[in-house]
PDB file of N, CA and C in Angstrom:
ATOM      1  N   MET A   1      16.709  -8.961  -1.299  1.00  0.00           N
ATOM      2  CA  MET A   1      15.679  -9.306  -0.789  1.00  0.00           C
ATOM      3  C   MET A   1      14.725 -10.207  -1.298  1.00  0.00           C
ATOM      4  N   THR A   2      14.664 -11.348  -0.513  1.00  0.00           N
ATOM      5  CA  THR A   2      13.767 -12.358  -1.112  1.00  0.00           C
ATOM      6  C   THR A   2      12.194 -11.664  -1.066  1.00  0.00           C
ATOM      7  N   SER A   3      11.083 -12.410  -1.592  1.00  0.00           N
ATOM      8  CA  SER A   3      10.316 -12.102  -1.744  1.00  0.00           C
ATOM      9  C   SER A   3       9.232 -12.516  -0.526  1.00  0.00           C
ATOM     10  N   GLU A   4       9.893 -13.125   0.468  1.00  0.00           N
ATOM     11  CA  GLU A   4       9.362 -13.093   1.798  1.00  0.00           C
ATOM     12  C   GLU A   4       9.828 -12.176   2.761  1.00  0.00           C
ATOM     13  N   GLU A   5      10.710 -11.601   2.257  1.00  0.00           N
ATOM     14  CA  GLU A   5      11.241 -10.364   3.498  1.00  0.00           C
ATOM     15  C   GLU A   5      10.574  -9.176   2.554  1.00  0.00           C
ATOM     16  N   LEU A   6      10.497  -9.420   1.393  1.00  0.00           N
ATOM     17  CA  LEU A   6       9.552  -8.001   0.839  1.00  0.00           C
ATOM     18  C   LEU A   6       7.944  -7.947   1.186  1.00  0.00           C
ATOM     19  N   LYS A   7       7.752  -8.933   1.119  1.00  0.00           N
ATOM     20  CA  LYS A   7       6.358  -9.295   1.464  1.00  0.00           C
ATOM     21  C   LYS A   7       6.015  -8.613   2.736  1.00  0.00           C
ATOM     22  N   VAL A   8       7.099  -9.016   3.944  1.00  0.00           N
ATOM     23  CA  VAL A   8       6.912  -8.626   5.182  1.00  0.00           C
ATOM     24  C   VAL A   8       7.169  -6.559   5.358  1.00  0.00           C
ATOM     25  N   ASN A   9       8.234  -6.353   4.324  1.00  0.00           N
ATOM     26  CA  ASN A   9       8.562  -5.234   4.713  1.00  0.00           C
ATOM     27  C   ASN A   9       7.162  -4.179   4.203  1.00  0.00           C
ATOM     28  N   VAL A  10       6.965  -4.707   3.259  1.00  0.00           N
ATOM     29  CA  VAL A  10       5.288  -3.987   2.361  1.00  0.00           C
ATOM     30  C   VAL A  10       4.529  -3.868   3.620  1.00  0.00           C
ATOM     31  N   GLU A  11       4.246  -4.837   4.533  1.00  0.00           N
ATOM     32  CA  GLU A  11       2.957  -4.932   5.300  1.00  0.00           C
ATOM     33  C   GLU A  11       3.641  -4.212   6.483  1.00  0.00           C
ATOM     34  N   LYS A  12       4.665  -4.318   6.829  1.00  0.00           N
ATOM     35  CA  LYS A  12       5.394  -3.308   7.911  1.00  0.00           C
ATOM     36  C   LYS A  12       4.787  -2.052   7.239  1.00  0.00           C
ATOM     37  N   ALA A  13       5.135  -1.480   6.083  1.00  0.00           N
ATOM     38  CA  ALA A  13       4.778  -0.179   5.537  1.00  0.00           C
ATOM     39  C   ALA A  13       2.837   0.272   5.630  1.00  0.00           C
ATOM     40  N   LEU A  14       2.490  -0.750   5.311  1.00  0.00           N
ATOM     41  CA  LEU A  14       1.247  -0.908   5.797  1.00  0.00           C
ATOM     42  C   LEU A  14       0.648  -0.663   7.238  1.00  0.00           C
ATOM     43  N   GLU A  15       0.996  -1.109   7.932  1.00  0.00           N
ATOM     44  CA  GLU A  15       1.050  -1.203   9.025  1.00  0.00           C
ATOM     45  C   GLU A  15       1.626   0.032   9.953  1.00  0.00           C
ATOM     46  N   GLU A  16       2.201   0.810   9.200  1.00  0.00           N
ATOM     47  CA  GLU A  16       2.784   2.482   9.601  1.00  0.00           C
ATOM     48  C   GLU A  16       1.537   3.201   9.392  1.00  0.00           C
ATOM     49  N   ILE A  17       0.848   3.274   8.327  1.00  0.00           N
ATOM     50  CA  ILE A  17      -0.103   4.053   7.526  1.00  0.00           C
ATOM     51  C   ILE A  17      -1.450   3.527   7.598  1.00  0.00           C
ATOM     52  N   ARG A  18      -1.681   2.063   7.910  1.00  0.00           N
ATOM     53  CA  ARG A  18      -2.774   1.706   8.705  1.00  0.00           C
ATOM     54  C   ARG A  18      -3.492   2.478   9.311  1.00  0.00           C
ATOM     55  N   PRO A  19      -3.304   3.032  10.055  1.00  0.00           N
ATOM     56  CA  PRO A  19      -3.882   3.915  11.999  1.00  0.00           C
ATOM     57  C   PRO A  19      -4.395   5.103  11.345  1.00  0.00           C
ATOM     58  N   PHE A  20      -3.707   5.666  10.014  1.00  0.00           N
ATOM     59  CA  PHE A  20      -3.879   7.681   9.190  1.00  0.00           C
ATOM     60  C   PHE A  20      -5.458   7.385   8.551  1.00  0.00           C
ATOM     61  N   LEU A  21      -5.363   5.664   7.885  1.00  0.00           N
ATOM     62  CA  LEU A  21      -6.967   5.466   7.448  1.00  0.00           C
ATOM     63  C   LEU A  21      -7.816   5.520   8.402  1.00  0.00           C
ATOM     64  N   GLN A  22      -7.645   4.387   9.293  1.00  0.00           N
ATOM     65  CA  GLN A  22      -8.411   3.865   9.909  1.00  0.00           C
ATOM     66  C   GLN A  22      -9.213   5.295  10.679  1.00  0.00           C
ATOM     67  N   SER A  23      -8.352   6.432  11.337  1.00  0.00           N
ATOM     68  CA  SER A  23      -9.076   7.235  11.421  1.00  0.00           C
ATOM     69  C   SER A  23      -9.819   8.482  10.404  1.00  0.00           C
ATOM     70  N   ASP A  24      -9.975   8.309   9.631  1.00  0.00           N
ATOM     71  CA  ASP A  24     -10.686   8.351   8.687  1.00  0.00           C
ATOM     72  C   ASP A  24     -11.732   7.492   8.017  1.00  0.00           C
ATOM     73  N   GLY A  25     -11.815   6.538   8.647  1.00  0.00           N
ATOM     74  CA  GLY A  25     -12.607   5.432   8.516  1.00  0.00           C
ATOM     75  C   GLY A  25     -12.557   4.346   7.471  1.00  0.00           C
ATOM     76  N   GLY A  26     -10.917   4.176   6.959  1.00  0.00           N
ATOM     77  CA  GLY A  26     -10.653   3.475   5.805  1.00  0.00           C
ATOM     78  C   GLY A  26      -9.894   2.572   6.378  1.00  0.00           C
ATOM     79  N   ASP A  27      -9.356   1.342   5.346  1.00  0.00           N
ATOM     80  CA  ASP A  27      -8.726   0.249   6.015  1.00  0.00           C
ATOM     81  C   ASP A  27      -7.543   0.261   4.257  1.00  0.00           C
ATOM     82  N   ILE A  28      -6.658  -0.450   4.437  1.00  0.00           N
ATOM     83  CA  ILE A  28      -5.856  -1.033   3.296  1.00  0.00           C
ATOM     84  C   ILE A  28      -5.787  -2.118   3.724  1.00  0.00           C
ATOM     85  N   SER A  29      -5.447  -3.287   2.445  1.00  0.00           N
ATOM     86  CA  SER A  29      -5.162  -4.601   2.670  1.00  0.00           C
ATOM     87  C   SER A  29      -4.682  -4.837   1.230  1.00  0.00           C
ATOM     88  N   LEU A  30      -3.089  -5.650   1.360  1.00  0.00           N
ATOM     89  CA  LEU A  30      -2.147  -6.411   0.656  1.00  0.00           C
ATOM     90  C   LEU A  30      -2.436  -7.157  -0.140  1.00  0.00           C
ATOM     91  N   LEU A  31      -2.783  -7.149  -1.239  1.00  0.00           N
ATOM     92  CA  LEU A  31      -3.187  -8.068  -2.607  1.00  0.00           C
ATOM     93  C   LEU A  31      -2.604  -9.200  -3.159  1.00  0.00           C
ATOM     94  N   SER A  32      -1.552  -8.432  -3.815  1.00  0.00           N
ATOM     95  CA  SER A  32      -0.121  -8.869  -3.774  1.00  0.00           C
ATOM     96  C   SER A  32       1.055  -8.444  -4.277  1.00  0.00           C
ATOM     97  N   ILE A  33       2.204  -9.116  -4.657  1.00  0.00           N
ATOM     98  CA  ILE A  33       3.120  -8.065  -4.986  1.00  0.00           C
ATOM     99  C   ILE A  33       3.805  -8.815  -6.149  1.00  0.00           C
ATOM    100  N   GLU A  34       3.716  -8.378  -7.916  1.00  0.00           N
ATOM    101  CA  GLU A  34       3.857  -9.135  -8.751  1.00  0.00           C
ATOM    102  C   GLU A  34       5.315  -8.702  -9.633  1.00  0.00           C
ATOM    103  N   GLU A  35       5.135  -9.008 -10.910  1.00  0.00           N
ATOM    104  CA  GLU A  35       5.814  -8.608 -11.886  1.00  0.00           C
ATOM    105  C   GLU A  35       7.651  -8.340 -11.047  1.00  0.00           C
ATOM    106  N   ASN A  36       8.181  -9.283 -10.870  1.00  0.00           N
ATOM    107  CA  ASN A  36       8.962  -9.542 -10.197  1.00  0.00           C
ATOM    108  C   ASN A  36       9.554  -8.077  -9.312  1.00  0.00           C
ATOM    109  N   ASP A  37       8.532  -8.731  -8.355  1.00  0.00           N
ATOM    110  CA  ASP A  37       8.482  -7.891  -6.845  1.00  0.00           C
ATOM    111  C   ASP A  37       8.760  -6.226  -7.163  1.00  0.00           C
ATOM    112  N   THR A  38       8.355  -5.780  -7.986  1.00  0.00           N
ATOM    113  CA  THR A  38       8.788  -4.171  -8.368  1.00  0.00           C
ATOM    114  C   THR A  38       6.950  -3.725  -8.170  1.00  0.00           C
ATOM    115  N   LEU A  39       5.991  -4.650  -8.253  1.00  0.00           N
ATOM    116  CA  LEU A  39       4.219  -4.145  -8.688  1.00  0.00           C
ATOM    117  C   LEU A  39       3.560  -4.068  -7.360  1.00  0.00           C
ATOM    118  N   VAL A  40       2.990  -3.556  -6.699  1.00  0.00           N
ATOM    119  CA  VAL A  40       2.294  -3.980  -5.018  1.00  0.00           C
ATOM    120  C   VAL A  40       0.717  -3.885  -5.702  1.00  0.00           C
ATOM    121  N   LYS A  41      -0.167  -4.684  -5.069  1.00  0.00           N
ATOM    122  CA  LYS A  41      -1.376  -4.414  -5.719  1.00  0.00           C
ATOM    123  C   LYS A  41      -2.321  -3.977  -4.467  1.00  0.00           C
ATOM    124  N   VAL A  42      -2.401  -3.131  -4.061  1.00  0.00           N
ATOM    125  CA  VAL A  42      -3.379  -3.254  -2.088  1.00  0.00           C
ATOM    126  C   VAL A  42      -5.492  -2.920  -3.063  1.00  0.00           C
ATOM    127  N   GLN A  43      -5.734  -3.394  -1.690  1.00  0.00           N
ATOM    128  CA  GLN A  43      -7.417  -3.095  -2.066  1.00  0.00           C
ATOM    129  C   GLN A  43      -7.391  -2.038  -0.958  1.00  0.00           C
ATOM    130  N   LEU A  44      -7.940  -0.428  -1.187  1.00  0.00           N
ATOM    131  CA  LEU A  44      -8.397   0.657  -0.560  1.00  0.00           C
ATOM    132  C   LEU A  44      -9.730  -0.035   0.616  1.00  0.00           C
ATOM    133  N   MET A  45     -10.381   0.144   1.214  1.00  0.00           N
ATOM    134  CA  MET A  45     -11.568  -0.490   1.778  1.00  0.00           C
ATOM    135  C   MET A  45     -12.374   0.624   2.599  1.00  0.00           C
ATOM    136  N   GLY A  46     -13.603   0.608   3.267  1.00  0.00           N
ATOM    137  CA  GLY A  46     -13.948   1.270   3.764  1.00  0.00           C
ATOM    138  C   GLY A  46     -14.504   3.018   3.759  1.00  0.00           C
ATOM    139  N   ALA A  47     -14.221   3.802   3.736  1.00  0.00           N
ATOM    140  CA  ALA A  47     -14.786   4.960   3.417  1.00  0.00           C
ATOM    141  C   ALA A  47     -13.303   5.842   2.226  1.00  0.00           C
ATOM    142  N   CYS A  48     -12.366   4.855   2.367  1.00  0.00           N
ATOM    143  CA  CYS A  48     -11.201   4.983   1.288  1.00  0.00           C
ATOM    144  C   CYS A  48     -12.109   4.986  -0.509  1.00  0.00           C
ATOM    145  N   VAL A  49     -12.986   4.088  -0.477  1.00  0.00           N
ATOM    146  CA  VAL A  49     -13.494   3.408  -1.320  1.00  0.00           C
ATOM    147  C   VAL A  49     -13.975   4.699  -2.331  1.00  0.00           C
ATOM    148  N   GLY A  50     -14.679   5.607  -1.326  1.00  0.00           N
ATOM    149  CA  GLY A  50     -15.037   6.139  -2.803  1.00  0.00           C
ATOM    150  C   GLY A  50     -14.854   8.263  -2.235  1.00  0.00           C
ATOM    151  N   CYS A  51     -13.981   7.386  -1.690  1.00  0.00           N
ATOM    152  CA  CYS A  51     -12.898   9.102  -1.632  1.00  0.00           C
ATOM    153  C   CYS A  51     -12.271   9.812  -2.614  1.00  0.00           C
ATOM    154  N   SER A  52     -12.780  11.146  -2.749  1.00  0.00           N
ATOM    155  CA  SER A  52     -12.215  11.458  -3.895  1.00  0.00           C
ATOM    156  C   SER A  52     -10.598  11.961  -3.727  1.00  0.00           C
ATOM    157  N   VAL A  53     -10.032  11.727  -2.648  1.00  0.00           N
ATOM    158  CA  VAL A  53      -8.555  12.115  -2.450  1.00  0.00           C
ATOM    159  C   VAL A  53      -7.358  10.543  -2.337  1.00  0.00           C
ATOM    160  N   ASN A  54      -8.220   9.963  -2.717  1.00  0.00           N
ATOM    161  CA  ASN A  54      -7.965   7.642  -2.573  1.00  0.00           C
ATOM    162  C   ASN A  54      -6.390   8.136  -3.488  1.00  0.00           C
ATOM    163  N   GLN A  55      -6.364   8.712  -4.578  1.00  0.00           N
ATOM    164  CA  GLN A  55      -5.582   8.476  -5.665  1.00  0.00           C
ATOM    165  C   GLN A  55      -4.098   8.788  -4.681  1.00  0.00           C
ATOM    166  N   MET A  56      -4.748  10.569  -4.588  1.00  0.00           N
ATOM    167  CA  MET A  56      -3.638  11.253  -3.796  1.00  0.00           C
ATOM    168  C   MET A  56      -2.700  10.384  -2.584  1.00  0.00           C
ATOM    169  N   THR A  57      -3.776   9.906  -2.166  1.00  0.00           N
ATOM    170  CA  THR A  57      -3.258   9.409  -0.575  1.00  0.00           C
ATOM    171  C   THR A  57      -2.462   8.127  -1.357  1.00  0.00           C
ATOM    172  N   LEU A  58      -2.996   6.849  -2.132  1.00  0.00           N
ATOM    173  CA  LEU A  58      -1.796   5.928  -2.922  1.00  0.00           C
ATOM    174  C   LEU A  58      -0.780   6.750  -3.344  1.00  0.00           C
ATOM    175  N   LYS A  59      -0.529   8.102  -4.045  1.00  0.00           N
ATOM    176  CA  LYS A  59       0.508   8.056  -4.467  1.00  0.00           C
ATOM    177  C   LYS A  59       1.675   8.475  -3.203  1.00  0.00           C
ATOM    178  N   SER A  60       0.850   9.556  -2.655  1.00  0.00           N
ATOM    179  CA  SER A  60       1.882  10.408  -1.577  1.00  0.00           C
ATOM    180  C   SER A  60       1.681   9.745  -0.649  1.00  0.00           C
ATOM    181  N   GLY A  61       1.154   8.749   0.414  1.00  0.00           N
ATOM    182  CA  GLY A  61       1.385   7.954   1.307  1.00  0.00           C
ATOM    183  C   GLY A  61       1.488   6.708   1.141  1.00  0.00           C
ATOM    184  N   VAL A  62       0.917   6.259   0.557  1.00  0.00           N
ATOM    185  CA  VAL A  62       0.815   4.423   0.836  1.00  0.00           C
ATOM    186  C   VAL A  62       2.171   4.103  -0.221  1.00  0.00           C
ATOM    187  N   GLU A  63       2.331   4.417  -1.156  1.00  0.00           N
ATOM    188  CA  GLU A  63       3.308   4.176  -2.247  1.00  0.00           C
ATOM    189  C   GLU A  63       4.939   4.971  -1.628  1.00  0.00           C
ATOM    190  N   MET A  64       4.501   6.008  -1.150  1.00  0.00           N
ATOM    191  CA  MET A  64       6.174   6.415  -0.882  1.00  0.00           C
ATOM    192  C   MET A  64       6.078   5.897   0.816  1.00  0.00           C
ATOM    193  N   THR A  65       5.317   5.246   1.595  1.00  0.00           N
ATOM    194  CA  THR A  65       5.672   4.777   2.702  1.00  0.00           C
ATOM    195  C   THR A  65       6.673   3.539   2.810  1.00  0.00           C
ATOM    196  N   ILE A  66       6.014   2.222   1.555  1.00  0.00           N
ATOM    197  CA  ILE A  66       6.123   1.306   0.656  1.00  0.00           C
ATOM    198  C   ILE A  66       7.893   1.079   0.433  1.00  0.00           C
ATOM    199  N   LYS A  67       7.842   2.302  -0.114  1.00  0.00           N
ATOM    200  CA  LYS A  67       9.034   3.038  -0.682  1.00  0.00           C
ATOM    201  C   LYS A  67      10.190   3.055  -0.308  1.00  0.00           C
ATOM    202  N   LYS A  68      10.075   3.269   1.014  1.00  0.00           N
ATOM    203  CA  LYS A  68      10.904   3.292   2.517  1.00  0.00           C
ATOM    204  C   LYS A  68      11.353   2.028   2.925  1.00  0.00           C
ATOM    205  N   TYR A  69      10.042   1.200   2.605  1.00  0.00           N
ATOM    206  CA  TYR A  69      10.453   0.071   3.569  1.00  0.00           C
ATOM    207  C   TYR A  69      11.381  -0.837   2.464  1.00  0.00           C
ATOM    208  N   ALA A  70      10.639  -1.098   0.967  1.00  0.00           N
ATOM    209  CA  ALA A  70      11.430  -1.528  -0.446  1.00  0.00           C
ATOM    210  C   ALA A  70      11.594  -0.757  -1.475  1.00  0.00           C
ATOM    211  N   PRO A  71      12.698  -0.325  -1.127  1.00  0.00           N
ATOM    212  CA  PRO A  71      13.285   0.299  -2.895  1.00  0.00           C
ATOM    213  C   PRO A  71      12.915  -0.111  -4.234  1.00  0.00           C
ATOM    214  N   GLN A  72      12.374  -1.510  -4.373  1.00  0.00           N
ATOM    215  CA  GLN A  72      12.720  -1.659  -5.403  1.00  0.00           C
ATOM    216  C   GLN A  72      11.421  -1.692  -5.880  1.00  0.00           C
ATOM    217  N   ILE A  73      10.460  -1.566  -5.044  1.00  0.00           N
ATOM    218  CA  ILE A  73       8.837  -1.611  -5.448  1.00  0.00           C
ATOM    219  C   ILE A  73       8.810   0.214  -6.472  1.00  0.00           C
ATOM    220  N   GLU A  74       8.239  -0.502  -7.297  1.00  0.00           N
ATOM    221  CA  GLU A  74       8.356   0.984  -8.475  1.00  0.00           C
ATOM    222  C   GLU A  74       6.498   1.329  -8.532  1.00  0.00           C
ATOM    223  N   GLN A  75       5.910   0.445  -8.561  1.00  0.00           N
ATOM    224  CA  GLN A  75       4.539   1.520  -8.382  1.00  0.00           C
ATOM    225  C   GLN A  75       3.763   0.534  -7.461  1.00  0.00           C
ATOM    226  N   VAL A  76       2.743   1.050  -6.890  1.00  0.00           N
ATOM    227  CA  VAL A  76       1.522   0.786  -6.445  1.00  0.00           C
ATOM    228  C   VAL A  76       0.340   0.818  -6.802  1.00  0.00           C
ATOM    229  N   ILE A  77      -0.550   0.328  -6.945  1.00  0.00           N
ATOM    230  CA  ILE A  77      -2.576   0.389  -7.366  1.00  0.00           C
ATOM    231  C   ILE A  77      -3.059  -0.291  -6.630  1.00  0.00           C
ATOM    232  N   ASN A  78      -4.221   0.498  -6.389  1.00  0.00           N
ATOM    233  CA  ASN A  78      -5.642   0.172  -6.045  1.00  0.00           C
ATOM    234  C   ASN A  78      -6.071  -0.860  -6.876  1.00  0.00           C
ATOM    235  N   ILE A  79      -6.875  -1.843  -6.247  1.00  0.00           N
ATOM    236  CA  ILE A  79      -7.635  -3.168  -6.980  1.00  0.00           C
ATOM    237  C   ILE A  79      -9.267  -2.592  -6.040  1.00  0.00           C
ATOM    238  N   GLU A  80      -9.436  -2.289  -7.077  1.00  0.00           N
ATOM    239  CA  GLU A  80     -11.131  -2.141  -6.136  1.00  0.00           C
ATOM    240  C   GLU A  80     -12.263  -3.273  -6.374  1.00  0.00           C
TER     241      GLU A  80
END
């Protein structure tokens, strides 16, 4: 998969999870895909910023969904 196809797939994954975040007053945006297309950097916004379970959301929700669309992704991190 090319870098452009990867970006499209990561955006599709974010679109799938975005309604859940927005229902709690938050959101997410893609900042970059780095380290030979294995690391995704995102930014949680709104209510997600101060939420005590945002790391759990990031790992079990966001990372899992991104890996479903782009299996080569190894890690998703939040940049505050």
